[in-house]
N, C-alpha and C. Protein backbone atom coordinates (compact mmCIF):
# COMPACT_ATOMS: atom_id res chain seq x y z
N MET A 1 8.22 19.09 -2.06
CA MET A 1 7.36 20.12 -2.75
C MET A 1 5.65 20.08 -2.27
N HIS A 2 5.57 20.98 -1.41
CA HIS A 2 3.97 21.17 -1.28
C HIS A 2 3.40 20.97 -2.90
N PHE A 3 1.98 20.01 -2.53
CA PHE A 3 0.89 20.11 -3.60
C PHE A 3 0.60 21.61 -3.82
N GLN A 4 0.66 22.79 -2.76
CA GLN A 4 0.22 23.71 -4.06
C GLN A 4 1.02 24.49 -4.50
N GLU A 5 3.10 24.18 -4.65
CA GLU A 5 3.60 24.24 -4.85
C GLU A 5 3.56 23.53 -6.71
N ILE A 6 3.06 22.27 -6.15
CA ILE A 6 2.92 21.55 -7.32
C ILE A 6 1.83 22.00 -8.65
N ILE A 7 0.81 22.37 -8.51
CA ILE A 7 0.24 22.60 -8.67
C ILE A 7 0.17 24.13 -9.34
N HIS A 8 0.88 25.06 -8.50
CA HIS A 8 1.48 26.56 -9.55
C HIS A 8 1.96 26.05 -9.96
N GLN A 9 3.48 25.11 -9.95
CA GLN A 9 4.30 25.13 -10.97
C GLN A 9 3.70 24.58 -12.31
N TYR A 10 3.23 23.06 -12.19
CA TYR A 10 2.71 22.24 -13.47
C TYR A 10 1.19 22.66 -13.54
N GLY A 11 0.56 23.47 -12.74
CA GLY A 11 -0.89 23.67 -13.27
C GLY A 11 -1.82 22.64 -13.92
N TYR A 12 -2.34 22.39 -14.80
CA TYR A 12 -3.35 21.49 -15.21
C TYR A 12 -2.75 19.67 -14.99
N PHE A 13 -1.66 19.83 -15.65
CA PHE A 13 -0.88 18.74 -15.58
C PHE A 13 -0.51 18.00 -13.87
N GLY A 14 0.00 18.89 -13.20
CA GLY A 14 0.12 19.30 -11.78
C GLY A 14 -1.71 18.39 -10.98
N VAL A 15 -2.29 18.80 -11.52
CA VAL A 15 -3.46 18.42 -10.68
C VAL A 15 -3.76 16.78 -11.27
N PHE A 16 -3.71 16.92 -12.97
CA PHE A 16 -3.56 15.57 -13.56
C PHE A 16 -3.16 14.40 -12.38
N LEU A 17 -1.45 15.00 -12.37
CA LEU A 17 -0.99 13.79 -11.48
C LEU A 17 -1.23 13.39 -10.44
N ILE A 18 -1.74 14.60 -9.29
CA ILE A 18 -1.58 13.88 -8.08
C ILE A 18 -2.69 13.10 -8.14
N ILE A 19 -4.15 13.78 -8.71
CA ILE A 19 -4.96 12.64 -8.17
C ILE A 19 -5.20 11.34 -9.29
N LEU A 20 -4.31 11.61 -9.87
CA LEU A 20 -3.84 9.91 -11.29
C LEU A 20 -3.26 8.95 -10.06
N VAL A 21 -2.22 9.84 -9.32
CA VAL A 21 -1.37 8.81 -8.03
C VAL A 21 -2.04 8.28 -7.05
N GLU A 22 -2.81 9.09 -6.38
CA GLU A 22 -4.23 8.74 -5.28
C GLU A 22 -4.93 7.57 -5.33
N ALA A 23 -5.60 7.81 -7.43
CA ALA A 23 -6.41 7.03 -7.75
C ALA A 23 -5.71 5.40 -7.91
N ILE A 24 -4.43 5.59 -7.99
CA ILE A 24 -3.83 4.54 -8.39
C ILE A 24 -3.53 3.65 -6.75
N GLY A 25 -3.91 4.16 -5.78
CA GLY A 25 -3.57 4.03 -4.43
C GLY A 25 -2.75 4.76 -3.48
N PHE A 26 -2.22 5.42 -3.61
CA PHE A 26 -1.18 6.51 -3.20
C PHE A 26 -1.90 7.39 -2.32
N PRO A 27 -1.54 7.42 -0.98
CA PRO A 27 -1.80 8.66 0.04
C PRO A 27 -2.25 9.73 -0.59
N PHE A 28 -2.65 10.49 -1.22
CA PHE A 28 -2.81 12.25 -1.79
C PHE A 28 -3.66 12.60 -1.53
N PRO A 29 -3.58 14.23 -0.97
CA PRO A 29 -5.04 14.62 -0.90
C PRO A 29 -5.69 14.93 -1.84
N ALA A 30 -6.60 14.41 -2.67
CA ALA A 30 -7.21 14.74 -3.82
C ALA A 30 -7.93 15.62 -3.60
N GLU A 31 -9.17 15.40 -2.82
CA GLU A 31 -10.00 16.37 -2.50
C GLU A 31 -9.43 18.19 -1.69
N THR A 32 -8.44 17.70 -1.47
CA THR A 32 -7.59 19.09 -0.94
C THR A 32 -6.66 19.61 -2.49
N THR A 33 -6.66 18.91 -2.90
CA THR A 33 -5.96 19.58 -4.36
C THR A 33 -6.98 20.17 -5.21
N LEU A 34 -7.90 19.26 -5.62
CA LEU A 34 -9.23 19.94 -6.37
C LEU A 34 -10.03 20.94 -5.82
N THR A 35 -10.31 20.41 -4.07
CA THR A 35 -10.32 21.84 -3.70
C THR A 35 -9.05 23.45 -3.41
N LEU A 36 -8.13 23.09 -3.50
CA LEU A 36 -7.53 24.05 -3.79
C LEU A 36 -7.18 24.77 -5.30
N SER A 37 -7.26 23.69 -6.66
CA SER A 37 -7.76 23.93 -7.57
C SER A 37 -9.04 25.01 -7.97
N GLY A 38 -9.97 24.62 -7.39
CA GLY A 38 -11.46 25.73 -7.21
C GLY A 38 -10.76 26.98 -6.95
N ILE A 39 -9.94 27.34 -5.93
CA ILE A 39 -9.39 28.34 -5.25
C ILE A 39 -8.74 29.04 -6.13
N GLU A 40 -7.60 28.74 -6.74
CA GLU A 40 -6.99 28.77 -8.31
C GLU A 40 -7.78 29.90 -9.06
N TRP A 41 -9.10 29.00 -9.45
CA TRP A 41 -9.42 29.13 -10.40
C TRP A 41 -9.94 30.31 -10.23
N SER A 42 -10.52 30.67 -8.96
CA SER A 42 -11.46 31.90 -8.42
C SER A 42 -10.52 33.47 -8.66
N LYS A 43 -8.91 32.99 -8.85
CA LYS A 43 -8.18 33.95 -9.25
C LYS A 43 -8.04 34.55 -10.10
N GLY A 44 -8.48 33.65 -11.13
CA GLY A 44 -8.35 33.57 -12.66
C GLY A 44 -6.82 32.64 -13.24
N VAL A 45 -6.44 32.15 -12.03
CA VAL A 45 -5.34 31.43 -12.78
C VAL A 45 -5.30 30.47 -13.19
N PHE A 46 -6.44 29.25 -13.12
CA PHE A 46 -7.05 28.29 -14.01
C PHE A 46 -8.66 28.50 -14.52
N HIS A 47 -8.83 27.78 -16.29
CA HIS A 47 -10.08 27.53 -16.14
C HIS A 47 -11.27 26.16 -16.08
N LEU A 48 -12.32 26.18 -15.82
CA LEU A 48 -13.37 25.10 -15.38
C LEU A 48 -13.18 23.99 -16.27
N VAL A 49 -13.08 24.26 -17.55
CA VAL A 49 -13.33 23.52 -18.43
C VAL A 49 -12.15 22.30 -18.22
N PRO A 50 -10.67 22.87 -19.02
CA PRO A 50 -9.82 21.99 -18.55
C PRO A 50 -9.33 21.66 -16.93
N LEU A 51 -9.74 22.32 -16.18
CA LEU A 51 -9.54 21.77 -15.12
C LEU A 51 -10.09 20.29 -14.49
N TRP A 52 -11.72 20.81 -14.86
CA TRP A 52 -12.08 19.87 -14.48
C TRP A 52 -11.69 18.51 -15.33
N LEU A 53 -11.18 18.40 -16.85
CA LEU A 53 -11.15 17.59 -17.11
C LEU A 53 -9.49 16.25 -16.85
N ALA A 54 -8.79 17.87 -16.23
CA ALA A 54 -7.45 17.28 -15.54
C ALA A 54 -8.16 16.32 -14.61
N GLY A 55 -8.86 16.82 -13.30
CA GLY A 55 -8.95 16.25 -12.05
C GLY A 55 -9.61 14.58 -12.79
N CYS A 56 -10.93 14.82 -13.90
CA CYS A 56 -11.07 13.55 -14.32
C CYS A 56 -10.82 12.71 -14.66
N LEU A 57 -9.77 13.25 -15.70
CA LEU A 57 -9.20 12.15 -16.44
C LEU A 57 -8.04 11.48 -15.33
N GLY A 58 -7.53 11.79 -14.84
CA GLY A 58 -6.58 12.15 -13.52
C GLY A 58 -7.25 10.67 -13.01
N ASN A 59 -8.23 10.75 -12.15
CA ASN A 59 -9.40 9.70 -11.43
C ASN A 59 -9.42 8.79 -12.35
N LEU A 60 -9.93 8.96 -13.77
CA LEU A 60 -10.54 7.65 -14.39
C LEU A 60 -8.84 6.79 -15.15
N ILE A 61 -7.96 7.37 -15.41
CA ILE A 61 -6.88 6.48 -15.67
C ILE A 61 -6.31 6.20 -14.41
N GLY A 62 -6.07 6.70 -13.50
CA GLY A 62 -5.19 5.70 -12.18
C GLY A 62 -6.48 4.86 -11.62
N SER A 63 -7.61 5.19 -11.92
CA SER A 63 -8.96 4.15 -11.26
C SER A 63 -8.73 2.78 -12.57
N ALA A 64 -8.65 2.98 -13.87
CA ALA A 64 -8.21 1.94 -14.83
C ALA A 64 -7.04 0.76 -14.80
N VAL A 65 -5.96 1.53 -13.99
CA VAL A 65 -4.90 0.98 -14.18
C VAL A 65 -5.38 0.02 -13.40
N ALA A 66 -6.02 0.88 -11.54
CA ALA A 66 -5.46 -0.03 -10.09
C ALA A 66 -6.92 -1.34 -10.62
N TYR A 67 -7.80 -0.67 -11.68
CA TYR A 67 -8.95 -1.91 -11.71
C TYR A 67 -8.13 -2.61 -12.79
N LEU A 68 -7.31 -2.63 -13.83
CA LEU A 68 -6.29 -3.87 -14.31
C LEU A 68 -5.48 -4.61 -13.29
N ILE A 69 -4.91 -4.14 -12.06
CA ILE A 69 -3.89 -4.97 -11.57
C ILE A 69 -4.81 -5.43 -10.77
N GLY A 70 -6.30 -5.33 -10.04
CA GLY A 70 -7.00 -5.92 -9.13
C GLY A 70 -7.45 -7.32 -10.67
N TRP A 71 -8.03 -7.39 -11.51
CA TRP A 71 -7.97 -8.02 -12.40
C TRP A 71 -7.20 -9.23 -12.79
N TYR A 72 -5.42 -8.57 -13.43
CA TYR A 72 -4.78 -9.69 -13.28
C TYR A 72 -4.00 -10.20 -12.32
N LEU A 73 -3.42 -9.39 -11.59
CA LEU A 73 -2.82 -9.70 -10.32
C LEU A 73 -3.38 -10.64 -9.04
N GLY A 74 -5.00 -9.40 -8.58
CA GLY A 74 -5.66 -10.31 -7.59
C GLY A 74 -5.77 -9.69 -6.25
N ARG A 75 -6.14 -10.53 -4.99
CA ARG A 75 -5.96 -10.14 -4.37
C ARG A 75 -4.74 -9.89 -3.00
N PRO A 76 -3.98 -11.03 -3.86
CA PRO A 76 -2.23 -10.88 -2.87
C PRO A 76 -1.78 -9.76 -3.66
N ILE A 77 -1.86 -9.06 -4.21
CA ILE A 77 -0.71 -7.93 -4.59
C ILE A 77 -1.44 -6.87 -4.05
N VAL A 78 -2.84 -6.90 -4.12
CA VAL A 78 -3.99 -5.98 -2.87
C VAL A 78 -3.51 -6.04 -1.75
N LEU A 79 -3.18 -6.63 -0.97
CA LEU A 79 -2.54 -6.70 0.30
C LEU A 79 -1.08 -6.65 0.12
N PHE A 80 -0.19 -6.93 -0.66
CA PHE A 80 1.13 -6.92 -0.03
C PHE A 80 1.27 -5.05 -0.44
N PHE A 81 0.39 -4.44 -1.44
CA PHE A 81 0.97 -2.95 -1.13
C PHE A 81 0.33 -2.64 -0.25
N GLY A 82 -1.06 -3.14 0.41
CA GLY A 82 -1.71 -2.18 1.28
C GLY A 82 -1.19 -2.26 2.46
N LYS A 83 -0.90 -3.02 2.64
CA LYS A 83 -0.03 -3.13 4.24
C LYS A 83 0.52 -1.82 4.69
N PHE A 84 1.08 -0.90 3.51
CA PHE A 84 1.69 -0.14 3.90
C PHE A 84 0.80 1.03 4.20
N ILE A 85 -0.43 0.92 4.15
CA ILE A 85 -1.63 2.01 3.80
C ILE A 85 -2.33 1.83 4.95
N GLY A 86 -2.06 0.35 5.69
CA GLY A 86 -3.11 0.17 6.74
C GLY A 86 -4.53 -0.83 6.11
N ILE A 87 -4.05 -1.40 4.62
CA ILE A 87 -5.45 -1.96 4.29
C ILE A 87 -4.50 -3.79 5.09
N THR A 88 -6.06 -4.27 5.82
CA THR A 88 -5.95 -5.78 6.19
C THR A 88 -6.13 -6.74 5.90
N SER A 89 -6.16 -7.76 6.17
CA SER A 89 -7.23 -8.85 5.02
C SER A 89 -8.60 -9.15 5.84
N ALA A 90 -8.38 -8.38 6.78
CA ALA A 90 -9.87 -8.14 7.45
C ALA A 90 -11.02 -7.14 6.63
N LYS A 91 -10.01 -5.90 6.44
CA LYS A 91 -10.68 -5.15 5.79
C LYS A 91 -10.78 -5.03 4.42
N LEU A 92 -10.28 -6.18 3.85
CA LEU A 92 -10.81 -6.27 2.66
C LEU A 92 -11.47 -7.26 2.06
N ASP A 93 -11.52 -8.01 3.05
CA ASP A 93 -13.10 -8.62 3.43
C ASP A 93 -14.37 -8.22 3.13
N ALA A 94 -14.30 -6.95 4.73
CA ALA A 94 -15.26 -6.34 4.45
C ALA A 94 -15.64 -5.31 3.74
N ALA A 95 -14.66 -4.96 2.74
CA ALA A 95 -15.14 -4.22 2.16
C ALA A 95 -15.79 -4.90 0.59
N ASN A 96 -15.25 -6.00 0.29
CA ASN A 96 -15.37 -6.89 -0.77
C ASN A 96 -16.68 -7.43 -0.58
N GLU A 97 -16.93 -7.96 0.97
CA GLU A 97 -18.57 -8.41 1.17
C GLU A 97 -19.53 -7.66 0.75
N ARG A 98 -19.46 -6.14 0.98
CA ARG A 98 -20.02 -4.99 0.76
C ARG A 98 -20.56 -4.46 -0.94
N PHE A 99 -19.26 -4.49 -1.82
CA PHE A 99 -18.76 -4.71 -2.85
C PHE A 99 -19.74 -5.41 -3.92
N GLN A 100 -19.35 -6.99 -3.36
CA GLN A 100 -20.57 -7.59 -4.17
C GLN A 100 -22.04 -7.90 -3.90
N ARG A 101 -22.02 -6.73 -3.09
CA ARG A 101 -23.83 -6.81 -2.71
C ARG A 101 -24.78 -5.43 -3.14
N TYR A 102 -22.97 -4.87 -3.08
CA TYR A 102 -24.00 -3.17 -4.00
C TYR A 102 -23.45 -2.56 -4.77
N GLU A 103 -22.17 -3.33 -5.73
CA GLU A 103 -22.10 -3.30 -6.48
C GLU A 103 -21.81 -2.08 -7.34
N LEU A 104 -22.48 -1.83 -7.62
CA LEU A 104 -23.10 -0.76 -8.81
C LEU A 104 -23.18 0.67 -8.09
N TRP A 105 -24.10 0.89 -7.13
CA TRP A 105 -23.75 1.66 -5.76
C TRP A 105 -22.39 2.30 -5.49
N VAL A 106 -21.52 1.40 -4.89
CA VAL A 106 -20.65 1.10 -4.03
C VAL A 106 -19.52 1.77 -4.98
N VAL A 107 -19.88 1.22 -6.34
CA VAL A 107 -18.46 2.36 -7.53
C VAL A 107 -18.87 3.65 -7.15
N PHE A 108 -19.69 4.30 -7.37
CA PHE A 108 -20.86 5.05 -7.38
C PHE A 108 -20.27 6.43 -6.01
N ILE A 109 -20.72 5.93 -4.62
CA ILE A 109 -20.82 6.36 -3.84
C ILE A 109 -19.51 6.37 -2.73
N ALA A 110 -18.41 5.38 -3.20
CA ALA A 110 -17.20 5.12 -2.85
C ALA A 110 -16.54 6.49 -2.81
N LYS A 111 -16.49 6.94 -4.51
CA LYS A 111 -15.53 8.17 -4.86
C LYS A 111 -15.66 9.00 -3.94
N PHE A 112 -17.26 9.41 -3.25
CA PHE A 112 -16.43 10.30 -2.27
C PHE A 112 -16.50 9.85 -0.89
N ILE A 113 -15.43 8.84 -0.61
CA ILE A 113 -14.99 8.35 0.61
C ILE A 113 -14.11 8.54 0.61
N ALA A 114 -13.22 9.25 1.08
CA ALA A 114 -11.19 9.15 1.33
C ALA A 114 -11.15 7.74 1.81
N GLY A 115 -10.28 7.30 1.35
CA GLY A 115 -9.70 6.21 2.01
C GLY A 115 -10.29 4.56 1.01
N VAL A 116 -11.88 4.54 0.91
CA VAL A 116 -12.60 3.56 0.41
C VAL A 116 -12.17 4.00 -0.60
N ARG A 117 -12.13 5.04 -1.54
CA ARG A 117 -12.12 5.33 -2.72
C ARG A 117 -11.23 4.10 -3.60
N ILE A 118 -10.24 4.06 -3.28
CA ILE A 118 -8.83 3.90 -3.86
C ILE A 118 -8.93 2.16 -4.12
N LEU A 119 -10.22 1.48 -2.75
CA LEU A 119 -10.22 0.19 -3.15
C LEU A 119 -10.88 -0.48 -4.29
N ILE A 120 -12.19 0.86 -4.33
CA ILE A 120 -12.52 0.00 -4.90
C ILE A 120 -12.84 -0.76 -6.16
N PRO A 121 -11.72 0.03 -7.64
CA PRO A 121 -11.26 -0.40 -8.68
C PRO A 121 -10.47 -1.27 -8.78
N TYR A 122 -10.04 -1.54 -6.72
CA TYR A 122 -8.91 -3.18 -7.16
C TYR A 122 -10.11 -3.93 -6.94
N LEU A 123 -11.27 -3.96 -6.09
CA LEU A 123 -11.82 -4.66 -5.52
C LEU A 123 -13.08 -5.01 -6.76
N ALA A 124 -13.34 -4.28 -8.10
CA ALA A 124 -13.76 -4.34 -9.15
C ALA A 124 -12.85 -5.43 -10.44
N GLY A 125 -11.86 -5.03 -10.08
CA GLY A 125 -11.38 -5.72 -11.20
C GLY A 125 -11.11 -7.65 -10.67
N ILE A 126 -10.77 -7.65 -8.80
CA ILE A 126 -10.65 -8.78 -8.38
C ILE A 126 -12.02 -9.07 -8.80
N ASN A 127 -13.06 -9.31 -8.82
CA ASN A 127 -14.80 -9.60 -9.04
C ASN A 127 -15.19 -9.48 -10.30
N ARG A 128 -14.12 -9.61 -11.43
CA ARG A 128 -14.63 -9.46 -12.85
C ARG A 128 -15.76 -8.83 -12.64
N MET A 129 -16.32 -7.46 -12.22
CA MET A 129 -17.12 -6.32 -12.91
C MET A 129 -17.01 -6.34 -14.05
N LYS A 130 -18.21 -6.68 -15.27
CA LYS A 130 -18.22 -5.97 -16.24
C LYS A 130 -17.41 -4.63 -17.02
N PRO A 131 -16.12 -4.80 -17.83
CA PRO A 131 -15.50 -3.56 -17.70
C PRO A 131 -16.31 -2.17 -18.04
N TRP A 132 -17.37 -2.74 -18.92
CA TRP A 132 -17.84 -1.56 -19.35
C TRP A 132 -19.11 -0.81 -18.27
N LEU A 133 -19.50 -1.87 -17.42
CA LEU A 133 -20.21 -0.86 -16.37
C LEU A 133 -19.32 -0.30 -15.18
N PHE A 134 -18.03 -0.76 -15.12
CA PHE A 134 -17.38 -0.38 -14.10
C PHE A 134 -17.08 1.71 -14.86
N PHE A 135 -16.78 0.95 -16.14
CA PHE A 135 -16.44 2.47 -16.38
C PHE A 135 -17.56 3.36 -17.08
N VAL A 136 -18.46 3.07 -16.76
CA VAL A 136 -19.67 3.96 -17.35
C VAL A 136 -20.12 4.60 -15.62
N PHE A 137 -20.03 3.73 -14.39
CA PHE A 137 -20.55 4.01 -13.15
C PHE A 137 -19.26 5.14 -12.43
N ASN A 138 -18.07 4.85 -12.78
CA ASN A 138 -16.97 4.70 -12.30
C ASN A 138 -16.73 6.82 -13.72
N THR A 139 -16.93 6.49 -14.21
CA THR A 139 -17.01 8.04 -14.96
C THR A 139 -17.81 9.30 -14.15
N ILE A 140 -19.39 8.81 -14.60
CA ILE A 140 -20.20 9.23 -13.77
C ILE A 140 -20.08 10.24 -12.32
N ALA A 141 -19.03 8.95 -11.78
CA ALA A 141 -19.21 9.20 -10.42
C ALA A 141 -17.81 10.37 -10.23
N ALA A 142 -16.79 10.00 -10.99
CA ALA A 142 -15.71 10.84 -11.00
C ALA A 142 -16.10 12.49 -11.68
N ILE A 143 -16.77 12.46 -12.22
CA ILE A 143 -17.52 13.85 -12.78
C ILE A 143 -17.92 14.59 -12.13
N VAL A 144 -18.78 14.04 -10.94
CA VAL A 144 -19.41 14.29 -10.00
C VAL A 144 -18.63 15.17 -8.91
N TRP A 145 -17.96 13.93 -8.60
CA TRP A 145 -16.83 14.35 -7.48
C TRP A 145 -16.13 15.27 -7.67
N SER A 146 -15.17 15.52 -8.72
CA SER A 146 -14.22 16.65 -8.81
C SER A 146 -14.70 17.74 -9.36
N GLY A 147 -15.97 17.52 -10.02
CA GLY A 147 -16.66 18.82 -10.20
C GLY A 147 -17.00 19.29 -8.83
N LEU A 148 -17.68 18.92 -7.91
CA LEU A 148 -17.89 19.19 -6.41
C LEU A 148 -17.14 19.41 -5.68
N PHE A 149 -15.86 19.16 -5.61
CA PHE A 149 -14.51 19.79 -5.26
C PHE A 149 -14.36 20.74 -5.85
N ILE A 150 -13.91 21.28 -7.17
CA ILE A 150 -13.39 22.19 -7.65
C ILE A 150 -15.12 23.41 -7.61
N ILE A 151 -15.22 22.94 -7.54
CA ILE A 151 -16.68 24.14 -7.47
C ILE A 151 -17.06 24.39 -6.07
N ALA A 152 -16.96 23.87 -5.07
CA ALA A 152 -16.41 24.00 -3.88
C ALA A 152 -15.47 24.93 -2.97
N GLY A 153 -14.70 24.56 -3.97
CA GLY A 153 -13.03 25.62 -4.13
C GLY A 153 -13.54 27.31 -4.44
N ARG A 154 -14.19 26.87 -5.73
CA ARG A 154 -14.52 28.60 -5.97
C ARG A 154 -14.99 29.19 -5.09
N TYR A 155 -16.53 28.46 -4.35
CA TYR A 155 -16.91 29.51 -3.83
C TYR A 155 -16.01 29.89 -2.32
N ILE A 156 -15.01 28.87 -2.23
CA ILE A 156 -14.80 29.28 -0.84
C ILE A 156 -13.68 30.30 -0.77
N GLY A 157 -13.00 30.66 -3.00
CA GLY A 157 -11.73 31.83 -2.54
C GLY A 157 -12.84 32.33 -2.74
N GLU A 158 -13.71 32.81 -3.62
CA GLU A 158 -14.71 34.44 -3.32
C GLU A 158 -15.29 34.42 -2.18
N PHE A 159 -15.69 33.68 -1.28
CA PHE A 159 -16.18 33.97 -0.09
C PHE A 159 -14.45 34.31 0.65
N VAL A 160 -13.68 33.56 0.79
CA VAL A 160 -12.27 34.44 1.85
C VAL A 160 -11.65 35.72 0.44
N THR A 161 -11.84 35.84 -0.27
CA THR A 161 -11.34 36.97 -1.05
C THR A 161 -12.47 38.45 -0.37
N LYS A 162 -13.79 38.21 -0.01
CA LYS A 162 -14.83 39.31 -0.40
C LYS A 162 -14.58 39.37 1.49
N TYR A 163 -14.26 38.53 2.51
CA TYR A 163 -14.68 38.28 3.86
C TYR A 163 -13.24 38.70 4.44
N TRP A 164 -12.19 38.29 3.77
CA TRP A 164 -10.96 38.45 4.72
C TRP A 164 -10.24 40.27 5.33
N PRO A 165 -10.55 40.59 4.87
CA PRO A 165 -10.40 42.26 5.09
C PRO A 165 -11.20 42.23 6.35
N PHE A 166 -12.52 42.13 6.57
CA PHE A 166 -12.90 41.87 7.71
C PHE A 166 -12.66 41.14 8.90
N PHE A 167 -12.02 39.94 8.23
CA PHE A 167 -11.38 38.44 9.05
C PHE A 167 -10.01 39.39 9.87
N LYS A 168 -9.78 40.35 9.20
CA LYS A 168 -8.29 40.63 9.71
C LYS A 168 -8.30 41.37 10.60
N HIS A 169 -9.18 42.30 10.53
CA HIS A 169 -9.34 43.68 11.18
C HIS A 169 -10.22 43.30 12.33
N HIS A 170 -10.35 41.99 12.41
CA HIS A 170 -11.88 41.61 13.50
C HIS A 170 -11.52 40.33 14.61
N ILE A 171 -9.93 40.06 14.04
CA ILE A 171 -9.06 38.72 14.81
C ILE A 171 -9.01 38.48 16.11
N VAL A 172 -9.64 39.50 16.68
CA VAL A 172 -9.37 39.11 18.02
C VAL A 172 -11.02 38.93 18.61
N LEU A 173 -11.64 39.45 17.71
CA LEU A 173 -13.13 39.37 18.17
C LEU A 173 -13.75 37.95 17.70
N LEU A 174 -13.31 37.39 16.75
CA LEU A 174 -13.45 36.02 16.07
C LEU A 174 -13.05 35.13 17.25
N VAL A 175 -11.83 35.05 17.97
CA VAL A 175 -11.09 34.26 18.40
C VAL A 175 -12.09 34.14 19.74
N VAL A 176 -12.08 35.12 20.45
CA VAL A 176 -13.20 35.44 21.46
C VAL A 176 -13.96 34.41 21.37
N VAL A 177 -15.11 34.69 20.32
CA VAL A 177 -16.61 33.88 20.00
C VAL A 177 -16.26 33.12 19.72
N VAL A 178 -14.90 32.37 18.76
CA VAL A 178 -14.21 30.96 18.73
C VAL A 178 -14.51 29.93 20.33
N ILE A 179 -14.01 31.03 20.84
CA ILE A 179 -13.79 30.24 22.73
C ILE A 179 -14.84 29.94 22.99
N LEU A 180 -15.57 31.02 23.49
CA LEU A 180 -16.70 31.28 24.31
C LEU A 180 -18.16 30.07 23.46
N LEU A 181 -17.93 29.56 22.05
CA LEU A 181 -18.73 28.95 21.88
C LEU A 181 -18.05 27.49 21.57
N ILE A 182 -16.90 27.04 22.02
CA ILE A 182 -16.43 26.05 22.05
C ILE A 182 -16.75 25.71 23.99
N ALA A 183 -16.34 26.72 24.30
CA ALA A 183 -16.92 26.52 25.99
C ALA A 183 -18.27 26.55 26.23
N LEU A 184 -18.96 26.82 26.09
CA LEU A 184 -20.47 26.49 25.73
C LEU A 184 -20.77 25.32 25.52
N PHE A 185 -20.47 24.76 24.06
CA PHE A 185 -20.67 23.41 23.94
C PHE A 185 -20.07 22.51 25.10
N VAL A 186 -19.02 22.83 25.84
CA VAL A 186 -18.24 21.41 26.52
C VAL A 186 -19.30 22.13 27.85
N TRP A 187 -19.53 22.89 27.86
CA TRP A 187 -20.43 23.30 29.27
C TRP A 187 -21.89 22.61 29.40
N PHE A 188 -22.55 22.47 27.66
CA PHE A 188 -23.94 22.03 27.41
C PHE A 188 -23.67 20.28 27.54
N ARG A 189 -22.32 19.99 27.23
CA ARG A 189 -22.40 18.18 27.26
C ARG A 189 -22.10 17.97 28.92
N ILE A 190 -21.52 18.23 29.77
CA ILE A 190 -21.39 18.12 31.03
C ILE A 190 -23.07 18.20 31.51
N TRP A 191 -23.34 19.07 31.66
CA TRP A 191 -24.86 19.60 31.95
C TRP A 191 -25.51 18.24 31.35
N GLU A 192 -25.51 17.76 30.17
CA GLU A 192 -26.30 16.91 29.40
C GLU A 192 -26.43 15.93 30.41
N HIS A 193 -24.75 15.53 30.10
CA HIS A 193 -24.26 13.79 31.04
C HIS A 193 -24.70 13.86 32.64
N ARG A 194 -24.86 15.00 33.01
CA ARG A 194 -25.00 15.27 34.62
C ARG A 194 -26.56 14.98 34.74
N ARG A 195 -27.10 15.55 34.01
CA ARG A 195 -28.49 15.16 33.64
C ARG A 195 -29.22 13.71 33.50
N SER A 196 -28.07 13.29 32.56
CA SER A 196 -28.55 11.75 32.26
C SER A 196 -28.59 10.95 33.52
N GLN A 197 -27.17 11.26 34.38
CA GLN A 197 -26.64 10.12 35.04
C GLN A 197 -27.38 10.75 36.98
N GLY A 198 -28.44 11.85 36.69
CA GLY A 198 -29.46 12.34 37.45
C GLY A 198 -30.77 11.05 37.17
N SER A 199 -31.19 11.08 36.23
CA SER A 199 -32.40 10.27 35.84
C SER A 199 -32.22 8.88 35.89
N LYS A 200 -31.01 8.76 35.79
CA LYS A 200 -30.80 6.74 35.86
C LYS A 200 -30.48 6.88 37.95
N ARG A 201 -30.40 7.83 38.57
CA ARG A 201 -30.55 7.58 40.02
C ARG A 201 -31.84 7.89 40.20
N ASP A 202 -32.38 8.63 39.98
CA ASP A 202 -34.03 8.92 40.39
C ASP A 202 -34.95 7.36 39.69
N ASP A 203 -34.40 6.48 38.71
CA ASP A 203 -34.93 5.25 37.98
C ASP A 203 -34.93 4.17 39.09
N THR A 204 -33.58 4.15 39.33
CA THR A 204 -32.96 3.23 40.33
C THR A 204 -34.09 3.35 41.95
N ASN A 205 -33.66 4.50 42.10
CA ASN A 205 -34.90 5.20 43.52
C ASN A 205 -36.23 4.76 43.18
């Protein structure tokens, strides 16, 4: 079942479930889910407050589970299950070093970085970060993160609804414009490369 179908079929609970599972560590598209939910909000399918709560609570509960796993089971369990999603000992060490250096900021900022986000609650547990500190910063981050993508989805939905008739009637023109822009970009990079090569030759002479 596609994620959009889960959202349509299960509503707020579907959003909550996807975000919860992603926060525990499964590679689910959390940002995409929140953005799609925001688009559905623009269509009147959802209301902002319960949708925002579903996203926040899903992330907070999933993060709490990951934090407790890190606290009680530690590094070995993270490496054992992490190998299935590309988490190696070296990557965990690098992430852990940054976590120890910038503890509070990492909890907040990492929420906005897919892939890194799922590691942080485990590292917080492994490093015995104070539960109340983790809860406070993780909650603030979850509120901002989920709200950002939901509201972005709302604006995307409104934009598509407003301008889709134009896009539909001018699709050929839009494709031509995109191709021309890509060609212009490629030409510019080639020209820039040749100019830099010419400058190097002049310097050697």
